[in-house]
Amino acid sequence: CVERLRATAAAARSVRCLHDNPGTMGKTTGPRRLLALLLVSMGPASVTSFVQPTHSRWAQPRPSERPRAPLQAATADDLLAQAAALRKEADEAQKEVEQEKQDSYMAEVLASFKQADSDKDGVVTIMELQTWLESRIELKEGKITAEWAAQLVKDLDTTGNANANGLAVSDFVTASEFEVRVKEIARREFIAQEKAEREREA
């Protein structure tokens, strides 16, 4: 590198001398000729340093200029197959969600049944149901009676598995559902009492 710098400096001095004394060349020395003289003075190895190699990474085409592989258009059969696969996945996901909801509901029913079945014999009697409902539901007017509990047992016997004394776990519902049913019975009882009072007054 030091030798090259020295050669370059010597060549530059020679070119400047030629530029200042154009008569030594026999004619006017223009910029091109001066550059040529400089390169010749520096030698062949130095000349190649001014030429950009074709294998340089700077000579590579830009990504945007490189040829792209042609995109293959999806056929109608491909689109139908993809749509069918998506529908299948959606159906499976929906089934999983519904199963989770069912499992959660049954777990809540079982928990309510165990609370109401105080003697743990597998049947919630009318008396046990009445006691359990009274401990959970507070009414503004009226009181949960054995008749209400008996009515609930009758209403919930949709499968025919309930006996006259109470409910099995297969006929049971959640505590929140019992509360809705009890309040509906209380509403009907209140309406019936008001009607009876109006009739007596008439």
N, C-alpha and C. Protein backbone atom coordinates (compact mmCIF):
# COMPACT_ATOMS: atom_id res chain seq x y z
N CYS A 1 0.83 -1.21 0.00
CA CYS A 1 0.00 0.00 0.00
C CYS A 1 0.86 1.26 0.00
N VAL A 2 2.00 1.23 0.77
CA VAL A 2 2.89 2.40 0.84
C VAL A 2 3.51 2.65 -0.51
N GLU A 3 3.96 1.54 -1.15
CA GLU A 3 4.58 1.68 -2.47
C GLU A 3 3.58 2.22 -3.47
N ARG A 4 2.34 1.78 -3.38
CA ARG A 4 1.32 2.27 -4.32
C ARG A 4 1.06 3.74 -4.12
N LEU A 5 1.01 4.16 -2.84
CA LEU A 5 0.80 5.58 -2.58
C LEU A 5 1.96 6.42 -3.11
N ARG A 6 3.18 5.90 -2.95
CA ARG A 6 4.33 6.63 -3.47
C ARG A 6 4.28 6.74 -4.98
N ALA A 7 3.89 5.60 -5.63
CA ALA A 7 3.80 5.62 -7.10
C ALA A 7 2.73 6.58 -7.57
N THR A 8 1.62 6.61 -6.81
CA THR A 8 0.53 7.51 -7.19
C THR A 8 0.96 8.96 -7.06
N ALA A 9 1.68 9.28 -5.97
CA ALA A 9 2.14 10.66 -5.78
C ALA A 9 3.11 11.07 -6.86
N ALA A 10 4.03 10.15 -7.23
CA ALA A 10 5.00 10.46 -8.29
C ALA A 10 4.30 10.67 -9.62
N ALA A 11 3.28 9.82 -9.89
CA ALA A 11 2.54 9.97 -11.14
C ALA A 11 1.79 11.29 -11.17
N ALA A 12 1.24 11.66 -10.02
CA ALA A 12 0.50 12.93 -9.96
C ALA A 12 1.42 14.10 -10.24
N ARG A 13 2.65 14.05 -9.69
CA ARG A 13 3.60 15.15 -9.94
C ARG A 13 3.98 15.22 -11.41
N SER A 14 4.13 14.04 -12.02
CA SER A 14 4.48 14.02 -13.45
C SER A 14 3.36 14.60 -14.29
N VAL A 15 2.11 14.22 -13.95
CA VAL A 15 0.96 14.72 -14.72
C VAL A 15 0.82 16.21 -14.54
N ARG A 16 1.05 16.70 -13.30
CA ARG A 16 0.95 18.16 -13.08
C ARG A 16 2.00 18.90 -13.87
N CYS A 17 3.18 18.30 -13.95
CA CYS A 17 4.26 18.93 -14.72
C CYS A 17 3.89 19.00 -16.18
N LEU A 18 3.28 17.94 -16.68
CA LEU A 18 2.83 17.95 -18.08
C LEU A 18 1.74 18.97 -18.30
N HIS A 19 0.84 19.09 -17.29
CA HIS A 19 -0.25 20.05 -17.42
C HIS A 19 0.27 21.48 -17.43
N ASP A 20 1.29 21.72 -16.57
CA ASP A 20 1.84 23.08 -16.50
C ASP A 20 2.73 23.40 -17.71
N ASN A 21 3.30 22.35 -18.30
CA ASN A 21 4.19 22.55 -19.47
C ASN A 21 3.70 21.71 -20.63
N PRO A 22 2.57 22.06 -21.22
CA PRO A 22 2.00 21.25 -22.30
C PRO A 22 2.92 21.13 -23.49
N GLY A 23 3.91 22.00 -23.61
CA GLY A 23 4.78 21.93 -24.76
C GLY A 23 5.62 20.68 -24.78
N THR A 24 5.85 20.05 -23.62
CA THR A 24 6.69 18.87 -23.56
C THR A 24 6.06 17.70 -24.28
N MET A 25 4.71 17.73 -24.47
CA MET A 25 4.01 16.67 -25.16
C MET A 25 3.79 17.00 -26.60
N GLY A 26 4.07 18.20 -26.98
CA GLY A 26 3.91 18.57 -28.39
C GLY A 26 2.53 19.07 -28.71
N LYS A 27 1.55 18.94 -27.74
CA LYS A 27 0.20 19.44 -27.96
C LYS A 27 -0.48 19.64 -26.62
N THR A 28 -1.64 20.29 -26.67
CA THR A 28 -2.36 20.57 -25.42
C THR A 28 -2.81 19.26 -24.77
N THR A 29 -2.61 19.16 -23.47
CA THR A 29 -3.00 17.96 -22.74
C THR A 29 -4.33 18.21 -22.04
N GLY A 30 -5.37 17.49 -22.46
CA GLY A 30 -6.69 17.65 -21.86
C GLY A 30 -6.87 16.74 -20.66
N PRO A 31 -8.01 16.85 -20.01
CA PRO A 31 -8.27 16.03 -18.80
C PRO A 31 -8.18 14.54 -19.08
N ARG A 32 -8.72 14.09 -20.22
CA ARG A 32 -8.68 12.65 -20.52
C ARG A 32 -7.25 12.16 -20.65
N ARG A 33 -6.47 12.96 -21.35
CA ARG A 33 -5.09 12.55 -21.57
C ARG A 33 -4.32 12.53 -20.25
N LEU A 34 -4.60 13.52 -19.41
CA LEU A 34 -3.94 13.55 -18.11
C LEU A 34 -4.29 12.31 -17.29
N LEU A 35 -5.59 11.91 -17.31
CA LEU A 35 -5.99 10.72 -16.58
C LEU A 35 -5.32 9.48 -17.12
N ALA A 36 -5.21 9.41 -18.45
CA ALA A 36 -4.55 8.26 -19.07
C ALA A 36 -3.10 8.18 -18.65
N LEU A 37 -2.43 9.35 -18.66
CA LEU A 37 -1.03 9.37 -18.25
C LEU A 37 -0.87 8.96 -16.79
N LEU A 38 -1.83 9.40 -15.95
CA LEU A 38 -1.77 9.04 -14.53
C LEU A 38 -1.88 7.54 -14.35
N LEU A 39 -2.81 6.91 -15.05
CA LEU A 39 -3.00 5.47 -14.93
C LEU A 39 -1.80 4.70 -15.44
N VAL A 40 -1.22 5.17 -16.56
CA VAL A 40 -0.04 4.49 -17.11
C VAL A 40 1.13 4.61 -16.15
N SER A 41 1.27 5.78 -15.53
CA SER A 41 2.38 5.99 -14.60
C SER A 41 2.25 5.11 -13.37
N MET A 42 1.02 4.84 -12.96
CA MET A 42 0.78 4.05 -11.76
C MET A 42 1.01 2.57 -12.00
N GLY A 43 0.97 2.11 -13.23
CA GLY A 43 1.23 0.72 -13.52
C GLY A 43 -0.04 -0.08 -13.66
N PRO A 44 0.07 -1.32 -14.23
CA PRO A 44 -1.12 -2.16 -14.48
C PRO A 44 -1.87 -2.53 -13.23
N ALA A 45 -1.16 -2.82 -12.13
CA ALA A 45 -1.85 -3.23 -10.91
C ALA A 45 -2.72 -2.12 -10.36
N SER A 46 -2.28 -0.89 -10.54
CA SER A 46 -3.06 0.24 -10.05
C SER A 46 -4.23 0.53 -10.95
N VAL A 47 -4.09 0.25 -12.23
CA VAL A 47 -5.19 0.51 -13.17
C VAL A 47 -6.39 -0.33 -12.83
N THR A 48 -6.13 -1.61 -12.44
CA THR A 48 -7.26 -2.51 -12.14
C THR A 48 -8.05 -2.05 -10.94
N SER A 49 -7.42 -1.26 -10.08
CA SER A 49 -8.15 -0.80 -8.89
C SER A 49 -9.23 0.19 -9.24
N PHE A 50 -9.13 0.81 -10.43
CA PHE A 50 -10.15 1.77 -10.86
C PHE A 50 -11.30 1.11 -11.61
N VAL A 51 -11.13 -0.17 -11.91
CA VAL A 51 -12.16 -0.89 -12.66
C VAL A 51 -13.00 -1.70 -11.70
N GLN A 52 -14.30 -1.55 -11.72
CA GLN A 52 -15.19 -2.26 -10.80
C GLN A 52 -15.35 -3.70 -11.26
N PRO A 53 -15.01 -4.71 -10.45
CA PRO A 53 -15.13 -6.11 -10.87
C PRO A 53 -16.58 -6.48 -11.08
N THR A 54 -16.75 -7.34 -12.06
CA THR A 54 -18.13 -7.74 -12.40
C THR A 54 -18.73 -8.67 -11.35
N HIS A 55 -17.86 -9.32 -10.55
CA HIS A 55 -18.38 -10.25 -9.56
C HIS A 55 -18.65 -9.58 -8.22
N SER A 56 -18.51 -8.27 -8.12
CA SER A 56 -18.75 -7.57 -6.87
C SER A 56 -20.21 -7.68 -6.46
N ARG A 57 -20.40 -7.61 -5.18
CA ARG A 57 -21.79 -7.67 -4.69
C ARG A 57 -22.58 -6.46 -5.11
N TRP A 58 -21.87 -5.37 -5.47
CA TRP A 58 -22.58 -4.18 -5.93
C TRP A 58 -23.13 -4.37 -7.34
N ALA A 59 -22.58 -5.38 -8.05
CA ALA A 59 -23.05 -5.61 -9.41
C ALA A 59 -24.26 -6.51 -9.46
N GLN A 60 -24.65 -7.07 -8.28
CA GLN A 60 -25.81 -7.96 -8.25
C GLN A 60 -27.09 -7.16 -8.45
N PRO A 61 -28.08 -7.76 -9.12
CA PRO A 61 -29.35 -7.05 -9.33
C PRO A 61 -30.10 -6.86 -8.02
N ARG A 62 -30.84 -5.81 -7.92
CA ARG A 62 -31.66 -5.54 -6.74
C ARG A 62 -32.76 -6.58 -6.61
N PRO A 63 -33.22 -6.80 -5.36
CA PRO A 63 -34.30 -7.79 -5.20
C PRO A 63 -35.51 -7.50 -6.06
N SER A 64 -35.83 -6.20 -6.23
CA SER A 64 -37.00 -5.85 -7.03
C SER A 64 -36.79 -6.13 -8.51
N GLU A 65 -35.48 -6.20 -8.92
CA GLU A 65 -35.19 -6.42 -10.33
C GLU A 65 -35.05 -7.89 -10.67
N ARG A 66 -34.94 -8.75 -9.64
CA ARG A 66 -34.77 -10.17 -9.89
C ARG A 66 -36.08 -10.77 -10.40
N PRO A 67 -35.99 -11.74 -11.29
CA PRO A 67 -37.22 -12.36 -11.83
C PRO A 67 -37.97 -13.12 -10.75
N ARG A 68 -39.26 -12.98 -10.70
CA ARG A 68 -40.09 -13.65 -9.72
C ARG A 68 -40.74 -14.89 -10.33
N ALA A 69 -40.93 -15.89 -9.45
CA ALA A 69 -41.59 -17.10 -9.92
C ALA A 69 -43.06 -16.79 -10.17
N PRO A 70 -43.60 -17.28 -11.24
CA PRO A 70 -45.00 -16.99 -11.55
C PRO A 70 -45.94 -17.60 -10.52
N LEU A 71 -46.95 -16.83 -10.09
CA LEU A 71 -47.94 -17.32 -9.14
C LEU A 71 -48.94 -18.23 -9.83
N GLN A 72 -49.22 -19.35 -9.18
CA GLN A 72 -50.17 -20.29 -9.75
C GLN A 72 -51.56 -20.01 -9.19
N ALA A 73 -52.49 -19.81 -10.04
CA ALA A 73 -53.86 -19.52 -9.63
C ALA A 73 -54.51 -20.78 -9.07
N ALA A 74 -55.24 -20.61 -7.95
CA ALA A 74 -55.93 -21.74 -7.34
C ALA A 74 -57.12 -22.14 -8.20
N THR A 75 -57.30 -23.43 -8.35
CA THR A 75 -58.41 -23.92 -9.14
C THR A 75 -59.68 -23.91 -8.31
N ALA A 76 -60.80 -24.11 -8.97
CA ALA A 76 -62.08 -24.15 -8.26
C ALA A 76 -62.13 -25.31 -7.27
N ASP A 77 -61.53 -26.44 -7.64
CA ASP A 77 -61.51 -27.60 -6.74
C ASP A 77 -60.70 -27.29 -5.48
N ASP A 78 -59.57 -26.55 -5.66
CA ASP A 78 -58.76 -26.18 -4.50
C ASP A 78 -59.54 -25.29 -3.55
N LEU A 79 -60.26 -24.31 -4.10
CA LEU A 79 -61.04 -23.40 -3.27
C LEU A 79 -62.16 -24.14 -2.54
N LEU A 80 -62.81 -25.07 -3.23
CA LEU A 80 -63.87 -25.85 -2.58
C LEU A 80 -63.31 -26.72 -1.46
N ALA A 81 -62.15 -27.29 -1.70
CA ALA A 81 -61.52 -28.12 -0.67
C ALA A 81 -61.15 -27.29 0.55
N GLN A 82 -60.61 -26.09 0.32
CA GLN A 82 -60.27 -25.21 1.43
C GLN A 82 -61.50 -24.78 2.21
N ALA A 83 -62.59 -24.48 1.48
CA ALA A 83 -63.83 -24.08 2.15
C ALA A 83 -64.39 -25.22 2.98
N ALA A 84 -64.32 -26.45 2.45
CA ALA A 84 -64.82 -27.60 3.20
C ALA A 84 -63.99 -27.84 4.45
N ALA A 85 -62.67 -27.66 4.34
CA ALA A 85 -61.81 -27.84 5.51
C ALA A 85 -62.11 -26.79 6.58
N LEU A 86 -62.35 -25.55 6.16
CA LEU A 86 -62.68 -24.49 7.12
C LEU A 86 -64.02 -24.77 7.81
N ARG A 87 -65.01 -25.25 7.03
CA ARG A 87 -66.31 -25.57 7.64
C ARG A 87 -66.17 -26.70 8.65
N LYS A 88 -65.34 -27.67 8.33
CA LYS A 88 -65.14 -28.79 9.26
C LYS A 88 -64.50 -28.32 10.56
N GLU A 89 -63.50 -27.45 10.43
CA GLU A 89 -62.85 -26.91 11.63
C GLU A 89 -63.83 -26.09 12.46
N ALA A 90 -64.66 -25.29 11.79
CA ALA A 90 -65.64 -24.47 12.51
C ALA A 90 -66.66 -25.36 13.24
N ASP A 91 -67.11 -26.43 12.58
CA ASP A 91 -68.08 -27.35 13.21
C ASP A 91 -67.46 -28.02 14.42
N GLU A 92 -66.21 -28.45 14.29
CA GLU A 92 -65.55 -29.11 15.42
C GLU A 92 -65.37 -28.14 16.59
N ALA A 93 -65.02 -26.90 16.27
CA ALA A 93 -64.85 -25.90 17.33
C ALA A 93 -66.18 -25.62 18.03
N GLN A 94 -67.26 -25.55 17.25
CA GLN A 94 -68.58 -25.30 17.83
C GLN A 94 -69.00 -26.46 18.74
N LYS A 95 -68.71 -27.69 18.31
CA LYS A 95 -69.05 -28.85 19.14
C LYS A 95 -68.27 -28.83 20.45
N GLU A 96 -67.02 -28.43 20.38
CA GLU A 96 -66.22 -28.35 21.60
C GLU A 96 -66.78 -27.32 22.56
N VAL A 97 -67.20 -26.17 22.02
CA VAL A 97 -67.78 -25.12 22.87
C VAL A 97 -69.07 -25.60 23.51
N GLU A 98 -69.92 -26.25 22.72
CA GLU A 98 -71.19 -26.75 23.27
C GLU A 98 -70.95 -27.82 24.32
N GLN A 99 -69.95 -28.69 24.09
CA GLN A 99 -69.66 -29.73 25.07
C GLN A 99 -69.15 -29.13 26.37
N GLU A 100 -68.32 -28.10 26.25
CA GLU A 100 -67.82 -27.43 27.45
C GLU A 100 -68.96 -26.79 28.24
N LYS A 101 -69.90 -26.17 27.51
CA LYS A 101 -71.05 -25.57 28.20
C LYS A 101 -71.89 -26.64 28.89
N GLN A 102 -72.10 -27.78 28.22
CA GLN A 102 -72.89 -28.86 28.81
C GLN A 102 -72.20 -29.43 30.04
N ASP A 103 -70.88 -29.61 29.94
CA ASP A 103 -70.15 -30.14 31.09
C ASP A 103 -70.22 -29.18 32.27
N SER A 104 -70.10 -27.87 31.99
CA SER A 104 -70.17 -26.88 33.05
C SER A 104 -71.55 -26.86 33.70
N TYR A 105 -72.60 -26.98 32.86
CA TYR A 105 -73.97 -26.98 33.39
C TYR A 105 -74.20 -28.20 34.28
N MET A 106 -73.76 -29.38 33.82
CA MET A 106 -73.98 -30.60 34.60
C MET A 106 -73.20 -30.55 35.91
N ALA A 107 -72.02 -29.94 35.89
CA ALA A 107 -71.26 -29.80 37.13
C ALA A 107 -72.01 -28.92 38.13
N GLU A 108 -72.65 -27.85 37.63
CA GLU A 108 -73.42 -26.97 38.51
C GLU A 108 -74.67 -27.68 39.04
N VAL A 109 -75.31 -28.46 38.20
CA VAL A 109 -76.48 -29.24 38.64
C VAL A 109 -76.09 -30.22 39.74
N LEU A 110 -74.98 -30.92 39.53
CA LEU A 110 -74.53 -31.91 40.52
C LEU A 110 -74.19 -31.23 41.84
N ALA A 111 -73.56 -30.07 41.78
CA ALA A 111 -73.23 -29.35 43.01
C ALA A 111 -74.50 -28.95 43.76
N SER A 112 -75.50 -28.47 43.04
CA SER A 112 -76.77 -28.08 43.67
C SER A 112 -77.47 -29.30 44.28
N PHE A 113 -77.45 -30.40 43.56
CA PHE A 113 -78.09 -31.62 44.05
C PHE A 113 -77.44 -32.10 45.34
N LYS A 114 -76.12 -32.07 45.40
CA LYS A 114 -75.43 -32.52 46.60
C LYS A 114 -75.75 -31.63 47.79
N GLN A 115 -75.92 -30.33 47.55
CA GLN A 115 -76.29 -29.43 48.63
C GLN A 115 -77.70 -29.72 49.15
N ALA A 116 -78.61 -30.00 48.22
CA ALA A 116 -80.01 -30.23 48.63
C ALA A 116 -80.21 -31.61 49.26
N ASP A 117 -79.45 -32.60 48.83
CA ASP A 117 -79.61 -33.97 49.34
C ASP A 117 -78.89 -34.10 50.67
N SER A 118 -79.55 -33.65 51.71
CA SER A 118 -78.91 -33.57 53.02
C SER A 118 -78.56 -34.94 53.60
N ASP A 119 -79.36 -35.97 53.34
CA ASP A 119 -79.08 -37.29 53.90
C ASP A 119 -78.25 -38.17 52.96
N LYS A 120 -77.91 -37.63 51.79
CA LYS A 120 -77.02 -38.30 50.84
C LYS A 120 -77.52 -39.68 50.41
N ASP A 121 -78.84 -39.79 50.23
CA ASP A 121 -79.38 -41.08 49.78
C ASP A 121 -79.66 -41.11 48.27
N GLY A 122 -79.30 -40.04 47.55
CA GLY A 122 -79.47 -40.02 46.10
C GLY A 122 -80.82 -39.51 45.65
N VAL A 123 -81.67 -39.06 46.57
CA VAL A 123 -82.98 -38.49 46.23
C VAL A 123 -83.19 -37.25 47.08
N VAL A 124 -83.59 -36.16 46.45
CA VAL A 124 -83.94 -34.93 47.17
C VAL A 124 -85.44 -34.94 47.40
N THR A 125 -85.82 -35.13 48.65
CA THR A 125 -87.24 -35.21 48.98
C THR A 125 -87.88 -33.82 48.94
N ILE A 126 -89.19 -33.79 49.02
CA ILE A 126 -89.90 -32.52 49.02
C ILE A 126 -89.48 -31.66 50.21
N MET A 127 -89.32 -32.30 51.38
CA MET A 127 -88.91 -31.57 52.57
C MET A 127 -87.48 -31.04 52.41
N GLU A 128 -86.59 -31.87 51.87
CA GLU A 128 -85.20 -31.42 51.65
C GLU A 128 -85.16 -30.26 50.64
N LEU A 129 -85.99 -30.38 49.61
CA LEU A 129 -86.02 -29.32 48.60
C LEU A 129 -86.54 -28.02 49.20
N GLN A 130 -87.57 -28.11 50.00
CA GLN A 130 -88.12 -26.91 50.63
C GLN A 130 -87.08 -26.24 51.54
N THR A 131 -86.42 -27.03 52.36
CA THR A 131 -85.41 -26.49 53.28
C THR A 131 -84.26 -25.84 52.52
N TRP A 132 -83.80 -26.51 51.47
CA TRP A 132 -82.68 -25.99 50.69
C TRP A 132 -83.05 -24.68 49.98
N LEU A 133 -84.27 -24.63 49.41
CA LEU A 133 -84.71 -23.42 48.72
C LEU A 133 -84.88 -22.25 49.69
N GLU A 134 -85.39 -22.54 50.88
CA GLU A 134 -85.56 -21.47 51.88
C GLU A 134 -84.20 -20.87 52.28
N SER A 135 -83.16 -21.70 52.28
CA SER A 135 -81.84 -21.21 52.68
C SER A 135 -81.16 -20.40 51.58
N ARG A 136 -81.68 -20.49 50.38
CA ARG A 136 -81.04 -19.82 49.25
C ARG A 136 -81.85 -18.66 48.68
N ILE A 137 -83.15 -18.71 48.80
CA ILE A 137 -84.00 -17.73 48.13
C ILE A 137 -84.74 -16.90 49.17
N GLU A 138 -84.66 -15.60 49.00
CA GLU A 138 -85.37 -14.68 49.89
C GLU A 138 -86.47 -13.99 49.10
N LEU A 139 -87.69 -14.15 49.56
CA LEU A 139 -88.85 -13.56 48.89
C LEU A 139 -89.31 -12.31 49.62
N LYS A 140 -89.78 -11.32 48.84
CA LYS A 140 -90.29 -10.11 49.45
C LYS A 140 -91.59 -10.38 50.18
N GLU A 141 -92.40 -11.22 49.60
CA GLU A 141 -93.68 -11.58 50.22
C GLU A 141 -93.88 -13.08 50.11
N GLY A 142 -94.51 -13.66 51.09
CA GLY A 142 -94.78 -15.08 51.07
C GLY A 142 -93.63 -15.91 51.59
N LYS A 143 -93.84 -17.19 51.58
CA LYS A 143 -92.87 -18.13 52.10
C LYS A 143 -92.92 -19.41 51.29
N ILE A 144 -91.76 -19.99 51.08
CA ILE A 144 -91.70 -21.23 50.32
C ILE A 144 -92.32 -22.35 51.15
N THR A 145 -93.33 -22.93 50.63
CA THR A 145 -94.07 -23.97 51.38
C THR A 145 -93.78 -25.34 50.80
N ALA A 146 -94.27 -26.35 51.52
CA ALA A 146 -94.13 -27.73 51.03
C ALA A 146 -94.93 -27.92 49.76
N GLU A 147 -96.05 -27.20 49.64
CA GLU A 147 -96.86 -27.29 48.41
C GLU A 147 -96.07 -26.77 47.21
N TRP A 148 -95.30 -25.70 47.42
CA TRP A 148 -94.48 -25.18 46.31
C TRP A 148 -93.41 -26.19 45.92
N ALA A 149 -92.78 -26.79 46.91
CA ALA A 149 -91.75 -27.79 46.63
C ALA A 149 -92.35 -28.97 45.89
N ALA A 150 -93.55 -29.38 46.29
CA ALA A 150 -94.21 -30.50 45.62
C ALA A 150 -94.54 -30.13 44.18
N GLN A 151 -94.93 -28.88 43.95
CA GLN A 151 -95.22 -28.42 42.60
C GLN A 151 -93.95 -28.43 41.74
N LEU A 152 -92.85 -28.04 42.33
CA LEU A 152 -91.58 -28.08 41.59
C LEU A 152 -91.21 -29.51 41.20
N VAL A 153 -91.39 -30.43 42.12
CA VAL A 153 -91.08 -31.83 41.81
C VAL A 153 -91.94 -32.31 40.65
N LYS A 154 -93.20 -31.95 40.67
CA LYS A 154 -94.10 -32.35 39.59
C LYS A 154 -93.70 -31.72 38.25
N ASP A 155 -93.34 -30.44 38.29
CA ASP A 155 -92.97 -29.75 37.06
C ASP A 155 -91.68 -30.28 36.46
N LEU A 156 -90.75 -30.70 37.31
CA LEU A 156 -89.45 -31.15 36.82
C LEU A 156 -89.43 -32.62 36.42
N ASP A 157 -90.50 -33.32 36.66
CA ASP A 157 -90.55 -34.74 36.31
C ASP A 157 -90.83 -34.89 34.81
N THR A 158 -89.88 -34.44 33.99
CA THR A 158 -90.07 -34.50 32.53
C THR A 158 -89.68 -35.86 31.96
N THR A 159 -88.86 -36.61 32.67
CA THR A 159 -88.41 -37.91 32.17
C THR A 159 -89.17 -39.08 32.77
N GLY A 160 -90.00 -38.82 33.78
CA GLY A 160 -90.73 -39.89 34.44
C GLY A 160 -89.90 -40.63 35.46
N ASN A 161 -88.70 -40.12 35.78
CA ASN A 161 -87.84 -40.78 36.75
C ASN A 161 -88.10 -40.34 38.19
N ALA A 162 -88.76 -39.21 38.32
CA ALA A 162 -89.02 -38.71 39.68
C ALA A 162 -90.11 -39.54 40.34
N ASN A 163 -89.95 -39.78 41.62
CA ASN A 163 -90.99 -40.47 42.37
C ASN A 163 -91.81 -39.46 43.17
N ALA A 164 -92.76 -39.94 43.87
CA ALA A 164 -93.67 -39.03 44.59
C ALA A 164 -92.97 -38.31 45.73
N ASN A 165 -91.82 -38.83 46.16
CA ASN A 165 -91.17 -38.26 47.33
C ASN A 165 -90.13 -37.20 47.01
N GLY A 166 -89.62 -37.16 45.78
CA GLY A 166 -88.59 -36.18 45.49
C GLY A 166 -87.99 -36.35 44.10
N LEU A 167 -86.79 -35.80 43.92
CA LEU A 167 -86.13 -35.76 42.62
C LEU A 167 -84.79 -36.49 42.66
N ALA A 168 -84.53 -37.23 41.58
CA ALA A 168 -83.20 -37.81 41.39
C ALA A 168 -82.32 -36.77 40.70
N VAL A 169 -81.04 -37.05 40.61
CA VAL A 169 -80.12 -36.08 40.03
C VAL A 169 -80.42 -35.83 38.56
N SER A 170 -80.98 -36.83 37.86
CA SER A 170 -81.30 -36.66 36.44
C SER A 170 -82.44 -35.67 36.21
N ASP A 171 -83.26 -35.41 37.25
CA ASP A 171 -84.37 -34.46 37.13
C ASP A 171 -84.04 -33.09 37.73
N PHE A 172 -82.86 -32.97 38.32
CA PHE A 172 -82.51 -31.75 39.03
C PHE A 172 -82.06 -30.67 38.06
N VAL A 173 -82.13 -29.41 38.53
CA VAL A 173 -81.64 -28.27 37.75
C VAL A 173 -80.73 -27.45 38.65
N THR A 174 -80.20 -26.37 38.11
CA THR A 174 -79.28 -25.54 38.88
C THR A 174 -80.04 -24.69 39.90
N ALA A 175 -79.29 -24.14 40.84
CA ALA A 175 -79.91 -23.30 41.87
C ALA A 175 -80.55 -22.06 41.26
N SER A 176 -79.91 -21.48 40.25
CA SER A 176 -80.48 -20.29 39.61
C SER A 176 -81.79 -20.62 38.91
N GLU A 177 -81.88 -21.79 38.30
CA GLU A 177 -83.14 -22.18 37.66
C GLU A 177 -84.24 -22.41 38.69
N PHE A 178 -83.88 -23.00 39.83
CA PHE A 178 -84.87 -23.17 40.90
C PHE A 178 -85.38 -21.81 41.38
N GLU A 179 -84.49 -20.85 41.48
CA GLU A 179 -84.90 -19.52 41.95
C GLU A 179 -85.91 -18.90 40.99
N VAL A 180 -85.67 -19.03 39.69
CA VAL A 180 -86.62 -18.50 38.70
C VAL A 180 -87.98 -19.19 38.86
N ARG A 181 -87.98 -20.49 39.02
CA ARG A 181 -89.23 -21.23 39.15
C ARG A 181 -89.98 -20.86 40.43
N VAL A 182 -89.22 -20.71 41.52
CA VAL A 182 -89.86 -20.35 42.80
C VAL A 182 -90.49 -18.98 42.71
N LYS A 183 -89.80 -18.01 42.12
CA LYS A 183 -90.35 -16.66 42.01
C LYS A 183 -91.56 -16.63 41.08
N GLU A 184 -91.59 -17.50 40.09
CA GLU A 184 -92.77 -17.58 39.23
C GLU A 184 -93.96 -18.14 40.00
N ILE A 185 -93.72 -19.15 40.83
CA ILE A 185 -94.80 -19.68 41.67
C ILE A 185 -95.30 -18.61 42.64
N ALA A 186 -94.37 -17.85 43.23
CA ALA A 186 -94.75 -16.78 44.16
C ALA A 186 -95.57 -15.72 43.44
N ARG A 187 -95.21 -15.41 42.20
CA ARG A 187 -95.97 -14.41 41.45
C ARG A 187 -97.39 -14.89 41.18
N ARG A 188 -97.53 -16.15 40.80
CA ARG A 188 -98.86 -16.69 40.54
C ARG A 188 -99.69 -16.73 41.83
N GLU A 189 -99.05 -17.08 42.93
CA GLU A 189 -99.76 -17.13 44.21
C GLU A 189 -100.24 -15.73 44.61
N PHE A 190 -99.40 -14.73 44.39
CA PHE A 190 -99.77 -13.36 44.73
C PHE A 190 -100.96 -12.90 43.88
N ILE A 191 -100.93 -13.21 42.60
CA ILE A 191 -102.03 -12.83 41.71
C ILE A 191 -103.32 -13.53 42.14
N ALA A 192 -103.20 -14.81 42.51
CA ALA A 192 -104.39 -15.56 42.93
C ALA A 192 -104.97 -14.99 44.23
N GLN A 193 -104.11 -14.58 45.14
CA GLN A 193 -104.59 -14.01 46.39
C GLN A 193 -105.29 -12.68 46.16
N GLU A 194 -104.73 -11.83 45.31
CA GLU A 194 -105.38 -10.56 45.01
C GLU A 194 -106.74 -10.78 44.36
N LYS A 195 -106.81 -11.73 43.49
CA LYS A 195 -108.08 -12.02 42.82
C LYS A 195 -109.12 -12.50 43.83
N ALA A 196 -108.68 -13.35 44.76
CA ALA A 196 -109.61 -13.86 45.77
C ALA A 196 -110.10 -12.73 46.68
N GLU A 197 -109.21 -11.78 47.01
CA GLU A 197 -109.62 -10.66 47.85
C GLU A 197 -110.62 -9.75 47.14
N ARG A 198 -110.40 -9.51 45.87
CA ARG A 198 -111.34 -8.68 45.12
C ARG A 198 -112.73 -9.34 45.04
N GLU A 199 -112.70 -10.65 44.89
CA GLU A 199 -113.99 -11.36 44.81
C GLU A 199 -114.74 -11.31 46.13
N ARG A 200 -113.98 -11.38 47.25
CA ARG A 200 -114.64 -11.30 48.55
C ARG A 200 -115.21 -9.91 48.79
N GLU A 201 -114.47 -8.90 48.35
CA GLU A 201 -114.95 -7.54 48.53
C GLU A 201 -116.18 -7.24 47.66
N ALA A 202 -116.23 -7.89 46.51
CA ALA A 202 -117.37 -7.67 45.62
C ALA A 202 -118.61 -8.33 46.21
